[in-house]
């Protein structure tokens, strides 16, 4: 049956035809944020969204915003290596409360540090 193709190849074609490849690469930068910056930094920051090639990252203090600003070149390089494309051209750090969020940026459900909720 020459018409049968692996589902992965079909999905790649559909994604390309719909023009979603760039959006998926951008979303990977958000999802992979903890792996990109490491556990320690991820405890104080979380990637929020990508808009027009700009990654917006919430940080829990101005000190971390400044520290991440110093790391911006390395972060951009790592993001673009992971995505295989230059989909992110800048990173913006915004002050916000990231406490209560895990490295994935989702609510951990904990009320306190001890894990009792």
N, C-alpha and C. Protein backbone atom coordinates (compact mmCIF):
# COMPACT_ATOMS: atom_id res chain seq x y z
N UNK A 1 0.84 -1.18 0.00
CA UNK A 1 0.00 0.00 0.00
C UNK A 1 0.88 1.24 0.00
N UNK A 2 1.06 1.83 -1.13
CA UNK A 2 1.94 2.97 -1.25
C UNK A 2 1.35 4.24 -0.64
N UNK A 3 0.06 4.29 -0.39
CA UNK A 3 -0.57 5.49 0.16
C UNK A 3 -0.38 5.63 1.67
N UNK A 4 0.01 4.57 2.35
CA UNK A 4 0.19 4.61 3.80
C UNK A 4 1.50 5.32 4.15
N UNK A 5 1.41 6.29 5.04
CA UNK A 5 2.58 7.02 5.49
C UNK A 5 2.59 7.01 7.02
N UNK A 6 3.77 7.07 7.62
CA UNK A 6 3.83 7.14 9.08
C UNK A 6 3.11 8.40 9.58
N UNK A 7 2.42 8.27 10.70
CA UNK A 7 1.63 9.38 11.23
C UNK A 7 2.50 10.61 11.52
N UNK A 8 3.74 10.40 11.96
CA UNK A 8 4.63 11.51 12.23
C UNK A 8 4.88 12.37 11.00
N UNK A 9 5.06 11.71 9.87
CA UNK A 9 5.29 12.42 8.61
C UNK A 9 4.04 13.18 8.18
N UNK A 10 2.90 12.57 8.35
CA UNK A 10 1.63 13.23 8.01
C UNK A 10 1.43 14.47 8.88
N UNK A 11 1.69 14.33 10.19
CA UNK A 11 1.54 15.47 11.10
C UNK A 11 2.49 16.60 10.73
N UNK A 12 3.72 16.27 10.39
CA UNK A 12 4.68 17.30 9.96
C UNK A 12 4.14 18.06 8.76
N UNK A 13 3.57 17.35 7.81
CA UNK A 13 3.02 17.99 6.61
C UNK A 13 1.83 18.88 6.96
N UNK A 14 0.96 18.40 7.83
CA UNK A 14 -0.22 19.18 8.23
C UNK A 14 0.23 20.45 8.96
N UNK A 15 1.16 20.31 9.88
CA UNK A 15 1.67 21.45 10.64
C UNK A 15 2.29 22.47 9.69
N UNK A 16 3.08 22.01 8.74
CA UNK A 16 3.70 22.91 7.77
C UNK A 16 2.64 23.59 6.90
N UNK A 17 1.66 22.83 6.44
CA UNK A 17 0.60 23.39 5.59
C UNK A 17 -0.24 24.43 6.32
N UNK A 18 -0.41 24.25 7.61
CA UNK A 18 -1.20 25.20 8.40
C UNK A 18 -0.37 26.38 8.91
N UNK A 19 0.93 26.33 8.65
CA UNK A 19 1.80 27.42 9.09
C UNK A 19 2.02 27.44 10.59
N UNK A 20 1.99 26.28 11.23
CA UNK A 20 2.10 26.20 12.68
C UNK A 20 3.50 25.86 13.19
N UNK A 21 4.44 25.59 12.30
CA UNK A 21 5.77 25.16 12.73
C UNK A 21 6.43 26.21 13.62
N UNK A 22 6.36 27.46 13.25
CA UNK A 22 6.98 28.52 14.06
C UNK A 22 6.31 28.62 15.42
N UNK A 23 4.99 28.56 15.45
CA UNK A 23 4.26 28.63 16.72
C UNK A 23 4.65 27.49 17.64
N UNK A 24 4.81 26.29 17.10
CA UNK A 24 5.21 25.15 17.91
C UNK A 24 6.62 25.34 18.46
N UNK A 25 7.52 25.88 17.65
CA UNK A 25 8.87 26.16 18.11
C UNK A 25 8.87 27.21 19.22
N UNK A 26 8.04 28.23 19.06
CA UNK A 26 7.92 29.26 20.10
C UNK A 26 7.40 28.66 21.40
N UNK A 27 6.40 27.81 21.30
CA UNK A 27 5.82 27.19 22.48
C UNK A 27 6.83 26.27 23.18
N UNK A 28 7.71 25.69 22.40
CA UNK A 28 8.75 24.83 23.00
C UNK A 28 9.64 25.65 23.93
N UNK A 29 9.90 26.90 23.58
CA UNK A 29 10.72 27.76 24.45
C UNK A 29 10.04 27.96 25.80
N UNK A 30 8.72 28.05 25.80
CA UNK A 30 7.96 28.22 27.05
C UNK A 30 7.99 26.92 27.85
N UNK A 31 7.70 25.83 27.20
CA UNK A 31 7.62 24.53 27.88
C UNK A 31 8.98 24.09 28.41
N UNK A 32 10.03 24.35 27.64
CA UNK A 32 11.37 23.90 28.02
C UNK A 32 12.10 24.87 28.95
N UNK A 33 11.47 25.96 29.37
CA UNK A 33 12.13 26.97 30.20
C UNK A 33 12.91 26.37 31.37
N UNK A 34 12.32 25.49 32.18
CA UNK A 34 13.08 24.93 33.32
C UNK A 34 14.35 24.21 32.88
N UNK A 35 14.31 23.50 31.77
CA UNK A 35 15.49 22.80 31.27
C UNK A 35 16.51 23.77 30.70
N UNK A 36 16.05 24.84 30.12
CA UNK A 36 16.93 25.83 29.51
C UNK A 36 17.75 26.55 30.57
N UNK A 37 17.10 26.96 31.66
CA UNK A 37 17.78 27.78 32.67
C UNK A 37 18.25 27.00 33.88
N UNK A 38 17.78 25.79 34.06
CA UNK A 38 18.16 24.99 35.22
C UNK A 38 17.19 25.15 36.37
N UNK A 39 17.26 24.19 37.29
CA UNK A 39 16.30 24.10 38.39
C UNK A 39 16.32 25.33 39.30
N UNK A 40 17.51 25.80 39.66
CA UNK A 40 17.60 26.93 40.59
C UNK A 40 16.94 28.18 40.03
N UNK A 41 17.24 28.51 38.79
CA UNK A 41 16.65 29.70 38.16
C UNK A 41 15.16 29.49 37.95
N UNK A 42 14.76 28.28 37.58
CA UNK A 42 13.35 27.98 37.34
C UNK A 42 12.51 28.12 38.60
N UNK A 43 13.13 28.01 39.77
CA UNK A 43 12.39 28.20 41.02
C UNK A 43 12.01 29.66 41.22
N UNK A 44 12.67 30.57 40.51
CA UNK A 44 12.42 32.00 40.67
C UNK A 44 11.86 32.64 39.41
N UNK A 45 11.57 31.84 38.39
CA UNK A 45 11.08 32.39 37.13
C UNK A 45 10.24 31.36 36.40
N UNK A 46 9.43 31.88 35.49
CA UNK A 46 8.68 30.97 34.61
C UNK A 46 8.34 31.69 33.32
N UNK A 47 8.48 30.99 32.23
CA UNK A 47 8.16 31.53 30.93
C UNK A 47 6.64 31.62 30.81
N UNK A 48 6.17 32.77 30.36
CA UNK A 48 4.73 32.99 30.26
C UNK A 48 4.19 32.76 28.85
N UNK A 49 4.80 33.45 27.87
CA UNK A 49 4.29 33.38 26.51
C UNK A 49 5.31 33.96 25.54
N UNK A 50 5.05 33.73 24.27
CA UNK A 50 5.86 34.32 23.21
C UNK A 50 4.93 35.17 22.36
N UNK A 51 5.37 36.38 22.08
CA UNK A 51 4.61 37.28 21.21
C UNK A 51 5.60 37.96 20.27
N UNK A 52 5.40 37.79 18.98
CA UNK A 52 6.22 38.43 17.94
C UNK A 52 7.71 38.17 18.15
N UNK A 53 8.05 36.94 18.48
CA UNK A 53 9.45 36.58 18.66
C UNK A 53 10.05 36.97 19.99
N UNK A 54 9.22 37.47 20.89
CA UNK A 54 9.69 37.89 22.21
C UNK A 54 9.14 36.95 23.27
N UNK A 55 10.05 36.42 24.09
CA UNK A 55 9.65 35.55 25.19
C UNK A 55 9.49 36.38 26.45
N UNK A 56 8.33 36.29 27.07
CA UNK A 56 8.06 37.01 28.31
C UNK A 56 8.18 36.04 29.48
N UNK A 57 9.02 36.42 30.44
CA UNK A 57 9.33 35.57 31.58
C UNK A 57 9.01 36.32 32.87
N UNK A 58 8.23 35.70 33.73
CA UNK A 58 7.91 36.27 35.04
C UNK A 58 9.01 35.87 36.02
N UNK A 59 9.47 36.84 36.81
CA UNK A 59 10.46 36.58 37.85
C UNK A 59 9.91 37.04 39.19
N UNK A 60 10.42 36.44 40.27
CA UNK A 60 9.84 36.75 41.58
C UNK A 60 10.50 37.91 42.30
N UNK A 61 11.56 38.51 41.72
CA UNK A 61 12.17 39.68 42.36
C UNK A 61 12.98 40.46 41.33
N UNK A 62 13.24 41.71 41.64
CA UNK A 62 14.05 42.52 40.75
C UNK A 62 15.49 42.01 40.69
N UNK A 63 15.94 41.38 41.76
CA UNK A 63 17.29 40.80 41.77
C UNK A 63 17.39 39.70 40.72
N UNK A 64 16.38 38.84 40.65
CA UNK A 64 16.39 37.77 39.64
C UNK A 64 16.22 38.35 38.24
N UNK A 65 15.44 39.40 38.09
CA UNK A 65 15.30 40.04 36.78
C UNK A 65 16.66 40.54 36.30
N UNK A 66 17.41 41.15 37.19
CA UNK A 66 18.73 41.65 36.82
C UNK A 66 19.68 40.50 36.50
N UNK A 67 19.66 39.47 37.32
CA UNK A 67 20.54 38.30 37.09
C UNK A 67 20.24 37.66 35.73
N UNK A 68 18.96 37.49 35.43
CA UNK A 68 18.58 36.88 34.15
C UNK A 68 18.90 37.79 32.97
N UNK A 69 18.85 39.08 33.20
CA UNK A 69 19.24 40.02 32.14
C UNK A 69 20.71 39.80 31.77
N UNK A 70 21.55 39.57 32.77
CA UNK A 70 22.95 39.28 32.51
C UNK A 70 23.13 37.96 31.76
N UNK A 71 22.20 37.04 31.94
CA UNK A 71 22.28 35.72 31.32
C UNK A 71 21.55 35.66 29.96
N UNK A 72 20.98 36.76 29.54
CA UNK A 72 20.09 36.77 28.38
C UNK A 72 20.72 36.17 27.11
N UNK A 73 21.95 36.52 26.80
CA UNK A 73 22.59 35.99 25.58
C UNK A 73 22.67 34.47 25.61
N UNK A 74 23.09 33.92 26.75
CA UNK A 74 23.20 32.48 26.87
C UNK A 74 21.83 31.82 26.76
N UNK A 75 20.84 32.44 27.39
CA UNK A 75 19.47 31.91 27.35
C UNK A 75 18.96 31.90 25.91
N UNK A 76 19.13 32.99 25.20
CA UNK A 76 18.68 33.06 23.80
C UNK A 76 19.37 32.01 22.94
N UNK A 77 20.66 31.86 23.15
CA UNK A 77 21.42 30.86 22.38
C UNK A 77 20.87 29.46 22.65
N UNK A 78 20.64 29.14 23.92
CA UNK A 78 20.14 27.82 24.28
C UNK A 78 18.73 27.58 23.73
N UNK A 79 17.88 28.58 23.80
CA UNK A 79 16.52 28.44 23.25
C UNK A 79 16.59 28.13 21.76
N UNK A 80 17.38 28.89 21.04
CA UNK A 80 17.43 28.72 19.60
C UNK A 80 18.14 27.44 19.17
N UNK A 81 19.05 26.93 20.00
CA UNK A 81 19.65 25.62 19.75
C UNK A 81 18.57 24.54 19.92
N UNK A 82 17.79 24.65 20.98
CA UNK A 82 16.76 23.65 21.26
C UNK A 82 15.65 23.64 20.21
N UNK A 83 15.27 24.81 19.73
CA UNK A 83 14.18 24.88 18.75
C UNK A 83 14.67 24.63 17.34
N UNK A 84 16.00 24.71 17.13
CA UNK A 84 16.55 24.49 15.81
C UNK A 84 16.27 25.64 14.86
N UNK A 85 15.91 26.76 15.40
CA UNK A 85 15.52 27.91 14.61
C UNK A 85 15.76 29.17 15.44
N UNK A 86 15.76 30.30 14.82
CA UNK A 86 15.87 31.56 15.57
C UNK A 86 14.47 32.14 15.74
N UNK A 87 13.65 31.44 16.53
CA UNK A 87 12.27 31.87 16.71
C UNK A 87 12.13 32.93 17.80
N UNK A 88 13.08 32.98 18.73
CA UNK A 88 13.04 33.96 19.82
C UNK A 88 14.18 34.95 19.59
N UNK A 89 13.84 36.24 19.46
CA UNK A 89 14.91 37.22 19.25
C UNK A 89 15.14 38.11 20.45
N UNK A 90 14.28 38.01 21.47
CA UNK A 90 14.52 38.77 22.70
C UNK A 90 13.75 38.14 23.85
N UNK A 91 14.23 38.39 25.06
CA UNK A 91 13.57 37.90 26.26
C UNK A 91 13.31 39.10 27.15
N UNK A 92 12.09 39.21 27.65
CA UNK A 92 11.71 40.28 28.56
C UNK A 92 11.37 39.68 29.91
N UNK A 93 11.92 40.25 30.96
CA UNK A 93 11.67 39.77 32.31
C UNK A 93 10.72 40.74 33.00
N UNK A 94 9.61 40.19 33.49
CA UNK A 94 8.59 41.00 34.16
C UNK A 94 8.46 40.55 35.60
N UNK A 95 8.30 41.51 36.48
CA UNK A 95 8.19 41.21 37.90
C UNK A 95 6.80 40.68 38.21
N UNK A 96 6.76 39.61 38.95
CA UNK A 96 5.50 39.00 39.35
C UNK A 96 5.77 37.96 40.40
N UNK A 97 4.75 37.45 41.01
CA UNK A 97 4.95 36.42 42.04
C UNK A 97 4.93 35.05 41.43
N UNK A 98 6.05 34.36 41.45
CA UNK A 98 6.09 32.99 40.94
C UNK A 98 5.98 31.98 42.06
N UNK A 99 5.88 32.44 43.33
CA UNK A 99 5.75 31.48 44.42
C UNK A 99 4.43 30.74 44.29
N UNK A 100 4.43 29.49 44.66
CA UNK A 100 3.23 28.67 44.52
C UNK A 100 3.18 27.98 43.17
N UNK A 101 4.19 28.22 42.34
CA UNK A 101 4.24 27.59 41.03
C UNK A 101 5.44 26.68 40.97
N UNK A 102 5.25 25.56 40.34
CA UNK A 102 6.38 24.66 40.12
C UNK A 102 7.19 25.13 38.93
N UNK A 103 8.22 24.39 38.60
CA UNK A 103 9.08 24.76 37.49
C UNK A 103 8.33 24.81 36.17
N UNK A 104 7.22 24.06 36.08
CA UNK A 104 6.46 24.05 34.84
C UNK A 104 5.58 25.27 34.71
N UNK A 105 5.46 26.05 35.80
CA UNK A 105 4.62 27.24 35.76
C UNK A 105 3.18 26.96 36.10
N UNK A 106 2.89 25.75 36.51
CA UNK A 106 1.53 25.42 36.90
C UNK A 106 1.41 25.42 38.41
N UNK A 107 0.23 25.63 38.90
CA UNK A 107 0.01 25.69 40.34
C UNK A 107 0.31 24.33 40.95
N UNK A 108 1.15 24.33 41.98
CA UNK A 108 1.56 23.07 42.60
C UNK A 108 0.51 22.51 43.57
N UNK A 109 -0.43 23.37 43.95
CA UNK A 109 -1.47 22.93 44.86
C UNK A 109 -1.06 22.96 46.30
N UNK A 110 0.16 23.40 46.61
CA UNK A 110 0.65 23.44 47.98
C UNK A 110 0.34 24.78 48.60
N UNK A 111 -0.02 24.77 49.88
CA UNK A 111 -0.23 26.00 50.62
C UNK A 111 1.04 26.48 51.27
N UNK A 112 1.93 25.57 51.60
CA UNK A 112 3.16 25.93 52.29
C UNK A 112 4.34 25.20 51.70
N UNK A 113 5.51 25.49 52.22
CA UNK A 113 6.73 24.88 51.73
C UNK A 113 6.85 23.41 52.12
N UNK A 114 6.13 22.97 53.16
CA UNK A 114 6.28 21.61 53.65
C UNK A 114 5.51 20.58 52.83
N UNK A 115 4.73 21.06 51.86
CA UNK A 115 3.99 20.14 51.00
C UNK A 115 2.64 19.76 51.58
N UNK A 116 2.34 20.20 52.78
CA UNK A 116 1.03 19.92 53.35
C UNK A 116 0.06 20.97 52.84
N UNK A 117 -1.05 20.56 52.25
CA UNK A 117 -1.90 21.57 51.66
C UNK A 117 -3.25 21.43 52.06
